[in-house]
């Protein structure tokens, strides 16, 4: 069971890092170099989605590490 959890955690971290790298070094700059309004809006929406995913990961990690603090009692 531990090996499966470790594999899933490492796979999730790898996918997150690859996705972040692709967004910030490949897709995002390509959208911004044209300067069209639609491309700039797509870059903004994509960055907001990346921030929401990052925030969700942080909340998940905190709730997993300290599950008793979520109830408040």
N, C-alpha and C. Protein backbone atom coordinates (compact mmCIF):
# COMPACT_ATOMS: atom_id res chain seq x y z
N UNK A 1 0.82 -1.19 0.00
CA UNK A 1 0.00 0.00 0.00
C UNK A 1 0.86 1.25 0.00
N UNK A 2 1.96 1.22 0.76
CA UNK A 2 2.84 2.39 0.82
C UNK A 2 3.47 2.67 -0.54
N UNK A 3 3.83 1.60 -1.26
CA UNK A 3 4.47 1.78 -2.56
C UNK A 3 3.51 2.42 -3.57
N UNK A 4 2.24 2.05 -3.50
CA UNK A 4 1.26 2.64 -4.41
C UNK A 4 1.08 4.12 -4.10
N UNK A 5 0.97 4.48 -2.82
CA UNK A 5 0.82 5.89 -2.45
C UNK A 5 2.05 6.69 -2.86
N UNK A 6 3.23 6.14 -2.63
CA UNK A 6 4.46 6.83 -3.00
C UNK A 6 4.53 7.03 -4.51
N UNK A 7 4.15 6.00 -5.26
CA UNK A 7 4.15 6.10 -6.72
C UNK A 7 3.18 7.18 -7.19
N UNK A 8 1.99 7.22 -6.61
CA UNK A 8 1.01 8.23 -7.00
C UNK A 8 1.48 9.64 -6.63
N UNK A 9 2.10 9.80 -5.48
CA UNK A 9 2.61 11.11 -5.08
C UNK A 9 3.71 11.56 -6.04
N UNK A 10 4.65 10.66 -6.35
CA UNK A 10 5.73 11.02 -7.26
C UNK A 10 5.22 11.29 -8.68
N UNK A 11 4.25 10.52 -9.13
CA UNK A 11 3.66 10.75 -10.44
C UNK A 11 2.94 12.10 -10.48
N UNK A 12 2.19 12.41 -9.44
CA UNK A 12 1.51 13.70 -9.38
C UNK A 12 2.49 14.86 -9.36
N UNK A 13 3.57 14.72 -8.58
CA UNK A 13 4.58 15.78 -8.53
C UNK A 13 5.26 15.95 -9.89
N UNK A 14 5.56 14.84 -10.55
CA UNK A 14 6.19 14.92 -11.86
C UNK A 14 5.27 15.59 -12.88
N UNK A 15 4.00 15.20 -12.90
CA UNK A 15 3.06 15.81 -13.83
C UNK A 15 2.87 17.29 -13.55
N UNK A 16 2.83 17.66 -12.27
CA UNK A 16 2.69 19.07 -11.90
C UNK A 16 3.91 19.87 -12.37
N UNK A 17 5.10 19.33 -12.13
CA UNK A 17 6.31 20.05 -12.54
C UNK A 17 6.43 20.15 -14.06
N UNK A 18 6.10 19.09 -14.77
CA UNK A 18 6.15 19.13 -16.23
C UNK A 18 5.11 20.11 -16.77
N UNK A 19 3.90 20.06 -16.21
CA UNK A 19 2.86 20.99 -16.64
C UNK A 19 3.22 22.44 -16.35
N UNK A 20 3.81 22.70 -15.19
CA UNK A 20 4.22 24.06 -14.85
C UNK A 20 5.34 24.53 -15.77
N UNK A 21 6.29 23.66 -16.02
CA UNK A 21 7.39 24.03 -16.92
C UNK A 21 6.90 24.32 -18.33
N UNK A 22 6.00 23.46 -18.83
CA UNK A 22 5.45 23.70 -20.17
C UNK A 22 4.67 25.01 -20.22
N UNK A 23 3.92 25.31 -19.17
CA UNK A 23 3.13 26.53 -19.18
C UNK A 23 4.01 27.76 -19.15
N UNK A 24 4.99 27.80 -18.26
CA UNK A 24 5.78 29.01 -18.07
C UNK A 24 6.91 29.18 -19.09
N UNK A 25 7.36 28.09 -19.71
CA UNK A 25 8.48 28.22 -20.64
C UNK A 25 8.11 27.95 -22.09
N UNK A 26 6.88 27.48 -22.36
CA UNK A 26 6.54 27.16 -23.73
C UNK A 26 5.20 27.77 -24.14
N UNK A 27 4.11 27.38 -23.47
CA UNK A 27 2.78 27.81 -23.91
C UNK A 27 2.51 29.26 -23.56
N UNK A 28 2.80 29.66 -22.32
CA UNK A 28 2.55 31.04 -21.90
C UNK A 28 3.29 32.07 -22.74
N UNK A 29 4.61 31.92 -22.92
CA UNK A 29 5.32 32.90 -23.76
C UNK A 29 4.84 32.93 -25.21
N UNK A 30 4.44 31.78 -25.75
CA UNK A 30 3.91 31.77 -27.13
C UNK A 30 2.62 32.56 -27.23
N UNK A 31 1.81 32.50 -26.20
CA UNK A 31 0.57 33.27 -26.21
C UNK A 31 0.82 34.77 -26.09
N UNK A 32 1.83 35.13 -25.33
CA UNK A 32 2.09 36.55 -25.10
C UNK A 32 2.90 37.22 -26.20
N UNK A 33 3.58 36.47 -27.03
CA UNK A 33 4.43 37.11 -28.03
C UNK A 33 3.64 37.71 -29.19
N UNK A 34 2.42 37.23 -29.46
CA UNK A 34 1.61 37.80 -30.54
C UNK A 34 1.04 39.16 -30.15
N UNK A 35 0.56 39.27 -28.92
CA UNK A 35 -0.01 40.53 -28.46
C UNK A 35 -1.47 40.71 -28.80
N UNK A 36 -2.11 39.68 -29.32
CA UNK A 36 -3.54 39.78 -29.61
C UNK A 36 -4.32 39.71 -28.31
N UNK A 37 -5.48 40.33 -28.28
CA UNK A 37 -6.29 40.39 -27.07
C UNK A 37 -6.72 38.99 -26.61
N UNK A 38 -7.13 38.17 -27.55
CA UNK A 38 -7.58 36.82 -27.19
C UNK A 38 -6.44 36.00 -26.60
N UNK A 39 -5.25 36.11 -27.17
CA UNK A 39 -4.10 35.35 -26.66
C UNK A 39 -3.71 35.81 -25.26
N UNK A 40 -3.78 37.12 -25.02
CA UNK A 40 -3.46 37.63 -23.69
C UNK A 40 -4.50 37.17 -22.67
N UNK A 41 -5.77 37.12 -23.07
CA UNK A 41 -6.81 36.61 -22.17
C UNK A 41 -6.60 35.12 -21.88
N UNK A 42 -6.22 34.35 -22.89
CA UNK A 42 -5.94 32.93 -22.67
C UNK A 42 -4.76 32.74 -21.72
N UNK A 43 -3.74 33.58 -21.87
CA UNK A 43 -2.60 33.49 -20.96
C UNK A 43 -3.01 33.84 -19.53
N UNK A 44 -3.87 34.84 -19.38
CA UNK A 44 -4.35 35.21 -18.05
C UNK A 44 -5.18 34.09 -17.43
N UNK A 45 -6.09 33.52 -18.20
CA UNK A 45 -6.93 32.44 -17.70
C UNK A 45 -6.09 31.21 -17.36
N UNK A 46 -5.11 30.91 -18.19
CA UNK A 46 -4.24 29.77 -17.92
C UNK A 46 -3.42 29.96 -16.65
N UNK A 47 -2.94 31.19 -16.42
CA UNK A 47 -2.19 31.47 -15.20
C UNK A 47 -3.10 31.39 -13.98
N UNK A 48 -4.34 31.86 -14.10
CA UNK A 48 -5.29 31.74 -12.99
C UNK A 48 -5.59 30.27 -12.70
N UNK A 49 -5.74 29.46 -13.73
CA UNK A 49 -5.97 28.03 -13.53
C UNK A 49 -4.78 27.38 -12.85
N UNK A 50 -3.55 27.76 -13.25
CA UNK A 50 -2.36 27.23 -12.62
C UNK A 50 -2.32 27.62 -11.14
N UNK A 51 -2.68 28.86 -10.82
CA UNK A 51 -2.70 29.29 -9.42
C UNK A 51 -3.74 28.51 -8.61
N UNK A 52 -4.90 28.26 -9.18
CA UNK A 52 -5.93 27.49 -8.48
C UNK A 52 -5.48 26.04 -8.24
N UNK A 53 -4.84 25.44 -9.23
CA UNK A 53 -4.34 24.08 -9.06
C UNK A 53 -3.26 24.04 -7.98
N UNK A 54 -2.38 25.03 -7.98
CA UNK A 54 -1.33 25.10 -6.97
C UNK A 54 -1.93 25.27 -5.58
N UNK A 55 -2.90 26.15 -5.45
CA UNK A 55 -3.57 26.35 -4.17
C UNK A 55 -4.25 25.07 -3.70
N UNK A 56 -4.90 24.35 -4.62
CA UNK A 56 -5.54 23.09 -4.28
C UNK A 56 -4.55 22.04 -3.80
N UNK A 57 -3.38 21.97 -4.45
CA UNK A 57 -2.34 21.05 -4.01
C UNK A 57 -1.85 21.40 -2.61
N UNK A 58 -1.66 22.68 -2.35
CA UNK A 58 -1.18 23.11 -1.03
C UNK A 58 -2.19 22.75 0.04
N UNK A 59 -3.47 23.02 -0.21
CA UNK A 59 -4.51 22.68 0.76
C UNK A 59 -4.57 21.17 0.97
N UNK A 60 -4.46 20.41 -0.10
CA UNK A 60 -4.49 18.94 0.02
C UNK A 60 -3.31 18.43 0.85
N UNK A 61 -2.13 18.98 0.62
CA UNK A 61 -0.95 18.55 1.37
C UNK A 61 -1.11 18.89 2.84
N UNK A 62 -1.60 20.08 3.15
CA UNK A 62 -1.78 20.47 4.54
C UNK A 62 -2.83 19.60 5.22
N UNK A 63 -3.95 19.34 4.55
CA UNK A 63 -5.00 18.51 5.15
C UNK A 63 -4.54 17.07 5.30
N UNK A 64 -3.68 16.59 4.42
CA UNK A 64 -3.17 15.23 4.53
C UNK A 64 -2.17 15.12 5.67
N UNK A 65 -1.35 16.14 5.84
CA UNK A 65 -0.33 16.10 6.88
C UNK A 65 -0.92 16.28 8.27
N UNK A 66 -1.98 17.09 8.40
CA UNK A 66 -2.58 17.36 9.70
C UNK A 66 -4.10 17.18 9.62
N UNK A 67 -4.58 15.95 9.54
CA UNK A 67 -6.02 15.73 9.34
C UNK A 67 -6.87 16.11 10.55
N UNK A 68 -6.31 16.17 11.76
CA UNK A 68 -7.14 16.47 12.94
C UNK A 68 -7.46 17.94 13.05
N UNK A 69 -6.72 18.83 12.41
CA UNK A 69 -6.98 20.26 12.53
C UNK A 69 -8.13 20.71 11.65
N UNK A 70 -8.57 19.89 10.72
CA UNK A 70 -9.65 20.28 9.80
C UNK A 70 -11.00 20.36 10.54
N UNK A 71 -11.20 19.52 11.56
CA UNK A 71 -12.47 19.51 12.27
C UNK A 71 -12.63 20.66 13.24
N UNK A 72 -11.55 21.21 13.70
CA UNK A 72 -11.61 22.34 14.63
C UNK A 72 -11.85 21.93 16.07
N UNK A 73 -11.85 20.65 16.37
CA UNK A 73 -12.10 20.20 17.75
C UNK A 73 -11.00 19.28 18.20
